[in-house]
Amino acid sequence: MSVVSANNNALSAISALPSAVSGGALNLISTTTASSSATINITSGIDSTYKEYIFKFYNMHPASNGGEFGIGFSIDGGSNYNASKTTTFFWISHDEASNDPTFEYRTGQDLANATGFQHIGSSIKGDADAGASGTLHLFDPSNTTFVKHFISDVNSMYSSPASVRAMVAGYVNSTSAVNAVSFKMANGNTDSGVIKLYGVS
């Protein structure tokens, strides 16, 4: 087997990838805008086309102070968002006065084969300039052999005010295809924000 490599070792001199290297392009599938939304449901575009889907969140702003931004997964096209999940939840925070830096595992925010929504953005401040932004990866959702893994990384303005980074990982405990997702604040509407869905080719 021959090895395909670039001849010039300087990255700036590489104008194209060798033919054996795949690109990993992001393909925009949909854009959803929240406007005083109780739920934000994405019921199309999640299928067997891609092995990985990426959701990007931009300035998800809660209608109420202390918003808990969460996700639920569906295996029935969006009739229900109660697929069981097992998850982990890490929290990193630092406030504007440079007090109380925190890095901890939060047992109250994880799920153990539970059907409720998983919080991925935590205690978001309700002020006009506050919100949460980040990313969620969903892997191989149409696979009918394995559970469906996901990871998220979301930063929010916490009510202190502080910067809070929530890192969640877990799996949907079902061998049925995940074909829809729902996002919502646990304690009120999502006043505004944008969610973009991409497929990774």
C-alpha atoms as a PDB file:
ATOM      1  CA  MET A   1       0.000   0.000   0.000  1.00  0.00           C
ATOM      2  CA  SER A   2       1.413   3.405  -0.976  1.00  0.00           C
ATOM      3  CA  VAL A   3       1.321   6.414   1.333  1.00  0.00           C
ATOM      4  CA  VAL A   4      -0.218   9.601  -0.077  1.00  0.00           C
ATOM      5  CA  SER A   5       1.453  12.740   1.269  1.00  0.00           C
ATOM      6  CA  ALA A   6       2.028  16.381   0.424  1.00  0.00           C
ATOM      7  CA  ASN A   7       5.523  17.077  -0.937  1.00  0.00           C
ATOM      8  CA  ASN A   8       6.022  20.446   0.753  1.00  0.00           C
ATOM      9  CA  ASN A   9       5.991  20.280   4.569  1.00  0.00           C
ATOM     10  CA  ALA A  10       4.845  23.893   4.972  1.00  0.00           C
ATOM     11  CA  LEU A  11       1.091  24.000   5.598  1.00  0.00           C
ATOM     12  CA  SER A  12       0.830  27.357   3.840  1.00  0.00           C
ATOM     13  CA  ALA A  13       2.119  25.753   0.636  1.00  0.00           C
ATOM     14  CA  ILE A  14      -0.639  23.109   0.521  1.00  0.00           C
ATOM     15  CA  SER A  15      -3.284  24.197  -1.968  1.00  0.00           C
ATOM     16  CA  ALA A  16      -5.310  20.951  -1.956  1.00  0.00           C
ATOM     17  CA  LEU A  17      -5.634  17.809   0.131  1.00  0.00           C
ATOM     18  CA  PRO A  18      -4.300  14.526  -1.276  1.00  0.00           C
ATOM     19  CA  SER A  19      -7.082  12.583  -3.009  1.00  0.00           C
ATOM     20  CA  ALA A  20      -7.141   9.932  -0.245  1.00  0.00           C
ATOM     21  CA  VAL A  21      -8.059  12.535   2.436  1.00  0.00           C
ATOM     22  CA  SER A  22     -11.732  13.355   2.990  1.00  0.00           C
ATOM     23  CA  GLY A  23     -12.791  16.928   3.610  1.00  0.00           C
ATOM     24  CA  GLY A  24     -15.351  16.700   6.450  1.00  0.00           C
ATOM     25  CA  ALA A  25     -17.485  19.527   5.075  1.00  0.00           C
ATOM     26  CA  LEU A  26     -20.375  21.091   7.000  1.00  0.00           C
ATOM     27  CA  ASN A  27     -23.570  21.138   4.947  1.00  0.00           C
ATOM     28  CA  LEU A  28     -26.271  23.518   6.165  1.00  0.00           C
ATOM     29  CA  ILE A  29     -29.616  21.718   6.366  1.00  0.00           C
ATOM     30  CA  SER A  30     -31.867  24.192   8.155  1.00  0.00           C
ATOM     31  CA  THR A  31     -32.034  27.411  10.156  1.00  0.00           C
ATOM     32  CA  THR A  32     -34.657  27.815  12.886  1.00  0.00           C
ATOM     33  CA  THR A  33     -35.356  31.106  14.658  1.00  0.00           C
ATOM     34  CA  ALA A  34     -37.000  31.221  18.069  1.00  0.00           C
ATOM     35  CA  SER A  35     -39.547  33.907  18.867  1.00  0.00           C
ATOM     36  CA  SER A  36     -41.277  33.526  22.245  1.00  0.00           C
ATOM     37  CA  SER A  37     -41.172  29.778  21.569  1.00  0.00           C
ATOM     38  CA  ALA A  38     -42.293  27.211  24.132  1.00  0.00           C
ATOM     39  CA  THR A  39     -40.451  24.541  22.124  1.00  0.00           C
ATOM     40  CA  ILE A  40     -38.208  24.553  19.069  1.00  0.00           C
ATOM     41  CA  ASN A  41     -38.811  21.318  17.179  1.00  0.00           C
ATOM     42  CA  ILE A  42     -36.648  20.121  14.306  1.00  0.00           C
ATOM     43  CA  THR A  43     -38.549  17.306  12.597  1.00  0.00           C
ATOM     44  CA  SER A  44     -36.861  17.089   9.195  1.00  0.00           C
ATOM     45  CA  GLY A  45     -33.336  16.711   7.872  1.00  0.00           C
ATOM     46  CA  ILE A  46     -32.160  14.143  10.447  1.00  0.00           C
ATOM     47  CA  ASP A  47     -31.880  10.868   8.541  1.00  0.00           C
ATOM     48  CA  SER A  48     -29.338   8.436   7.091  1.00  0.00           C
ATOM     49  CA  THR A  49     -27.740  11.023   4.778  1.00  0.00           C
ATOM     50  CA  TYR A  50     -24.946  11.812   7.261  1.00  0.00           C
ATOM     51  CA  LYS A  51     -23.172   9.941  10.053  1.00  0.00           C
ATOM     52  CA  GLU A  52     -22.905  13.098  12.158  1.00  0.00           C
ATOM     53  CA  TYR A  53     -25.190  16.077  12.649  1.00  0.00           C
ATOM     54  CA  ILE A  54     -24.145  19.330  14.309  1.00  0.00           C
ATOM     55  CA  PHE A  55     -26.506  21.852  15.888  1.00  0.00           C
ATOM     56  CA  LYS A  56     -25.125  25.348  16.448  1.00  0.00           C
ATOM     57  CA  PHE A  57     -26.915  27.683  18.866  1.00  0.00           C
ATOM     58  CA  TYR A  58     -26.659  31.466  18.654  1.00  0.00           C
ATOM     59  CA  ASN A  59     -27.753  33.724  21.545  1.00  0.00           C
ATOM     60  CA  MET A  60     -30.534  31.567  22.960  1.00  0.00           C
ATOM     61  CA  HIS A  61     -32.252  34.097  25.186  1.00  0.00           C
ATOM     62  CA  PRO A  62     -34.721  33.005  27.880  1.00  0.00           C
ATOM     63  CA  ALA A  63     -37.926  34.887  28.567  1.00  0.00           C
ATOM     64  CA  SER A  64     -37.341  34.304  32.298  1.00  0.00           C
ATOM     65  CA  ASN A  65     -34.231  34.665  34.437  1.00  0.00           C
ATOM     66  CA  GLY A  66     -32.394  31.413  35.165  1.00  0.00           C
ATOM     67  CA  GLY A  67     -33.357  29.665  31.937  1.00  0.00           C
ATOM     68  CA  GLU A  68     -32.319  26.017  31.620  1.00  0.00           C
ATOM     69  CA  PHE A  69     -31.895  25.274  27.905  1.00  0.00           C
ATOM     70  CA  GLY A  70     -32.484  21.597  27.161  1.00  0.00           C
ATOM     71  CA  ILE A  71     -32.894  18.945  24.491  1.00  0.00           C
ATOM     72  CA  GLY A  72     -35.164  15.968  23.953  1.00  0.00           C
ATOM     73  CA  PHE A  73     -34.867  13.283  21.275  1.00  0.00           C
ATOM     74  CA  SER A  74     -37.601  11.568  19.272  1.00  0.00           C
ATOM     75  CA  ILE A  75     -37.728   8.153  17.620  1.00  0.00           C
ATOM     76  CA  ASP A  76     -41.227   8.659  16.197  1.00  0.00           C
ATOM     77  CA  GLY A  77     -40.804  11.701  13.949  1.00  0.00           C
ATOM     78  CA  GLY A  78     -41.595  14.231  16.665  1.00  0.00           C
ATOM     79  CA  SER A  79     -44.810  12.801  18.155  1.00  0.00           C
ATOM     80  CA  ASN A  80     -42.916  12.422  21.437  1.00  0.00           C
ATOM     81  CA  TYR A  81     -39.520  13.621  22.677  1.00  0.00           C
ATOM     82  CA  ASN A  82     -39.165  11.095  25.459  1.00  0.00           C
ATOM     83  CA  ALA A  83     -36.380   8.791  24.275  1.00  0.00           C
ATOM     84  CA  SER A  84     -34.378   7.638  27.317  1.00  0.00           C
ATOM     85  CA  LYS A  85     -30.944   9.188  27.871  1.00  0.00           C
ATOM     86  CA  THR A  86     -27.964   8.519  30.105  1.00  0.00           C
ATOM     87  CA  THR A  87     -25.684  11.543  30.469  1.00  0.00           C
ATOM     88  CA  THR A  88     -22.855  13.320  32.279  1.00  0.00           C
ATOM     89  CA  PHE A  89     -22.749  17.054  33.083  1.00  0.00           C
ATOM     90  CA  PHE A  90     -19.672  19.188  33.849  1.00  0.00           C
ATOM     91  CA  TRP A  91     -19.850  22.850  34.825  1.00  0.00           C
ATOM     92  CA  ILE A  92     -17.138  25.545  34.700  1.00  0.00           C
ATOM     93  CA  SER A  93     -17.900  29.070  35.938  1.00  0.00           C
ATOM     94  CA  HIS A  94     -16.169  32.380  36.616  1.00  0.00           C
ATOM     95  CA  ASP A  95     -17.979  35.578  37.539  1.00  0.00           C
ATOM     96  CA  GLU A  96     -17.394  39.172  36.433  1.00  0.00           C
ATOM     97  CA  ALA A  97     -15.834  40.110  39.781  1.00  0.00           C
ATOM     98  CA  SER A  98     -13.284  37.285  39.413  1.00  0.00           C
ATOM     99  CA  ASN A  99     -14.798  35.444  42.364  1.00  0.00           C
ATOM    100  CA  ASP A 100     -15.881  31.878  42.909  1.00  0.00           C
ATOM    101  CA  PRO A 101     -14.230  30.051  39.995  1.00  0.00           C
ATOM    102  CA  THR A 102     -15.755  26.581  39.803  1.00  0.00           C
ATOM    103  CA  PHE A 103     -15.100  23.320  37.981  1.00  0.00           C
ATOM    104  CA  GLU A 104     -17.359  20.483  39.037  1.00  0.00           C
ATOM    105  CA  TYR A 105     -19.437  17.478  38.089  1.00  0.00           C
ATOM    106  CA  ARG A 106     -23.094  18.307  38.752  1.00  0.00           C
ATOM    107  CA  THR A 107     -25.092  15.236  39.690  1.00  0.00           C
ATOM    108  CA  GLY A 108     -28.355  17.177  39.715  1.00  0.00           C
ATOM    109  CA  GLN A 109     -28.033  17.911  35.994  1.00  0.00           C
ATOM    110  CA  ASP A 110     -27.304  14.421  34.653  1.00  0.00           C
ATOM    111  CA  LEU A 111     -29.771  11.707  33.659  1.00  0.00           C
ATOM    112  CA  ALA A 112     -29.697   7.958  34.316  1.00  0.00           C
ATOM    113  CA  ASN A 113     -31.767   6.252  31.608  1.00  0.00           C
ATOM    114  CA  ALA A 114     -34.416   8.952  32.033  1.00  0.00           C
ATOM    115  CA  THR A 115     -36.920  10.390  29.560  1.00  0.00           C
ATOM    116  CA  GLY A 116     -36.805  14.060  30.606  1.00  0.00           C
ATOM    117  CA  PHE A 117     -35.085  16.829  28.669  1.00  0.00           C
ATOM    118  CA  GLN A 118     -31.329  17.078  29.205  1.00  0.00           C
ATOM    119  CA  HIS A 119     -30.128  20.548  30.224  1.00  0.00           C
ATOM    120  CA  ILE A 120     -27.275  21.682  27.986  1.00  0.00           C
ATOM    121  CA  GLY A 121     -27.248  25.405  28.834  1.00  0.00           C
ATOM    122  CA  SER A 122     -27.645  26.210  32.501  1.00  0.00           C
ATOM    123  CA  SER A 123     -29.089  29.088  34.579  1.00  0.00           C
ATOM    124  CA  ILE A 124     -29.086  31.627  31.744  1.00  0.00           C
ATOM    125  CA  LYS A 125     -29.525  35.222  32.869  1.00  0.00           C
ATOM    126  CA  GLY A 126     -32.712  36.889  31.625  1.00  0.00           C
ATOM    127  CA  ASP A 127     -31.244  40.361  31.025  1.00  0.00           C
ATOM    128  CA  ALA A 128     -31.513  41.823  27.524  1.00  0.00           C
ATOM    129  CA  ASP A 129     -27.823  41.259  26.758  1.00  0.00           C
ATOM    130  CA  ALA A 130     -27.685  37.669  28.055  1.00  0.00           C
ATOM    131  CA  GLY A 131     -28.047  34.309  26.359  1.00  0.00           C
ATOM    132  CA  ALA A 132     -26.331  31.022  25.555  1.00  0.00           C
ATOM    133  CA  SER A 133     -24.373  29.872  22.499  1.00  0.00           C
ATOM    134  CA  GLY A 134     -22.706  26.594  21.646  1.00  0.00           C
ATOM    135  CA  THR A 135     -22.716  23.317  19.759  1.00  0.00           C
ATOM    136  CA  LEU A 136     -24.244  19.852  19.977  1.00  0.00           C
ATOM    137  CA  HIS A 137     -23.017  16.822  17.990  1.00  0.00           C
ATOM    138  CA  LEU A 138     -25.354  13.874  17.319  1.00  0.00           C
ATOM    139  CA  PHE A 139     -23.630  10.776  15.953  1.00  0.00           C
ATOM    140  CA  ASP A 140     -25.112   8.253  13.505  1.00  0.00           C
ATOM    141  CA  PRO A 141     -28.767   8.876  14.465  1.00  0.00           C
ATOM    142  CA  SER A 142     -30.212   6.491  11.851  1.00  0.00           C
ATOM    143  CA  ASN A 143     -28.202   3.496  13.031  1.00  0.00           C
ATOM    144  CA  THR A 144     -30.505   0.690  14.223  1.00  0.00           C
ATOM    145  CA  THR A 145     -27.812  -1.421  15.917  1.00  0.00           C
ATOM    146  CA  PHE A 146     -26.249   0.962  18.443  1.00  0.00           C
ATOM    147  CA  VAL A 147     -27.346   3.606  20.943  1.00  0.00           C
ATOM    148  CA  LYS A 148     -27.003   7.214  19.710  1.00  0.00           C
ATOM    149  CA  HIS A 149     -24.144   9.211  21.245  1.00  0.00           C
ATOM    150  CA  PHE A 150     -24.165  12.990  21.602  1.00  0.00           C
ATOM    151  CA  ILE A 151     -21.930  15.671  23.110  1.00  0.00           C
ATOM    152  CA  SER A 152     -22.581  19.372  23.709  1.00  0.00           C
ATOM    153  CA  ASP A 153     -20.551  22.397  24.723  1.00  0.00           C
ATOM    154  CA  VAL A 154     -22.553  25.524  25.591  1.00  0.00           C
ATOM    155  CA  ASN A 155     -21.508  28.797  27.219  1.00  0.00           C
ATOM    156  CA  SER A 156     -24.018  31.096  28.872  1.00  0.00           C
ATOM    157  CA  MET A 157     -24.220  34.280  30.902  1.00  0.00           C
ATOM    158  CA  TYR A 158     -25.203  33.054  34.346  1.00  0.00           C
ATOM    159  CA  SER A 159     -27.352  35.088  36.718  1.00  0.00           C
ATOM    160  CA  SER A 160     -24.401  36.249  38.932  1.00  0.00           C
ATOM    161  CA  PRO A 161     -23.407  37.503  36.226  1.00  0.00           C
ATOM    162  CA  ALA A 162     -20.768  34.950  35.246  1.00  0.00           C
ATOM    163  CA  SER A 163     -19.527  32.942  32.314  1.00  0.00           C
ATOM    164  CA  VAL A 164     -20.747  29.361  32.650  1.00  0.00           C
ATOM    165  CA  ARG A 165     -19.605  26.572  30.361  1.00  0.00           C
ATOM    166  CA  ALA A 166     -21.711  23.405  30.445  1.00  0.00           C
ATOM    167  CA  MET A 167     -20.271  20.251  28.869  1.00  0.00           C
ATOM    168  CA  VAL A 168     -22.653  17.340  28.436  1.00  0.00           C
ATOM    169  CA  ALA A 169     -22.102  13.888  26.975  1.00  0.00           C
ATOM    170  CA  GLY A 170     -24.388  10.905  26.776  1.00  0.00           C
ATOM    171  CA  TYR A 171     -26.373   8.536  24.640  1.00  0.00           C
ATOM    172  CA  VAL A 172     -29.962   7.997  23.613  1.00  0.00           C
ATOM    173  CA  ASN A 173     -30.646   4.509  24.944  1.00  0.00           C
ATOM    174  CA  SER A 174     -32.463   3.151  21.904  1.00  0.00           C
ATOM    175  CA  THR A 175     -31.564   1.170  18.811  1.00  0.00           C
ATOM    176  CA  SER A 176     -34.389   2.909  16.921  1.00  0.00           C
ATOM    177  CA  ALA A 177     -33.416   5.768  14.648  1.00  0.00           C
ATOM    178  CA  VAL A 178     -33.472   9.254  16.181  1.00  0.00           C
ATOM    179  CA  ASN A 179     -35.288  11.394  13.611  1.00  0.00           C
ATOM    180  CA  ALA A 180     -36.335  14.581  15.412  1.00  0.00           C
ATOM    181  CA  VAL A 181     -35.141  16.779  18.279  1.00  0.00           C
ATOM    182  CA  SER A 182     -36.742  19.404  20.470  1.00  0.00           C
ATOM    183  CA  PHE A 183     -35.148  22.306  22.352  1.00  0.00           C
ATOM    184  CA  LYS A 184     -36.774  24.302  25.125  1.00  0.00           C
ATOM    185  CA  MET A 185     -36.204  26.316  28.280  1.00  0.00           C
ATOM    186  CA  ALA A 186     -37.243  24.425  31.387  1.00  0.00           C
ATOM    187  CA  ASN A 187     -38.833  27.441  33.068  1.00  0.00           C
ATOM    188  CA  GLY A 188     -40.438  29.490  30.291  1.00  0.00           C
ATOM    189  CA  ASN A 189     -40.237  30.373  26.627  1.00  0.00           C
ATOM    190  CA  THR A 190     -37.175  30.918  24.486  1.00  0.00           C
ATOM    191  CA  ASP A 191     -37.549  34.616  23.748  1.00  0.00           C
ATOM    192  CA  SER A 192     -35.122  34.626  20.801  1.00  0.00           C
ATOM    193  CA  GLY A 193     -32.200  32.773  19.266  1.00  0.00           C
ATOM    194  CA  VAL A 194     -31.112  30.837  16.170  1.00  0.00           C
ATOM    195  CA  ILE A 195     -30.385  27.134  15.737  1.00  0.00           C
ATOM    196  CA  LYS A 196     -28.577  25.931  12.629  1.00  0.00           C
ATOM    197  CA  LEU A 197     -28.472  22.236  11.701  1.00  0.00           C
ATOM    198  CA  TYR A 198     -25.545  20.867   9.675  1.00  0.00           C
ATOM    199  CA  GLY A 199     -24.687  17.462   8.287  1.00  0.00           C
ATOM    200  CA  VAL A 200     -21.041  16.408   8.197  1.00  0.00           C
ATOM    201  CA  SER A 201     -19.954  14.833   4.916  1.00  0.00           C
END
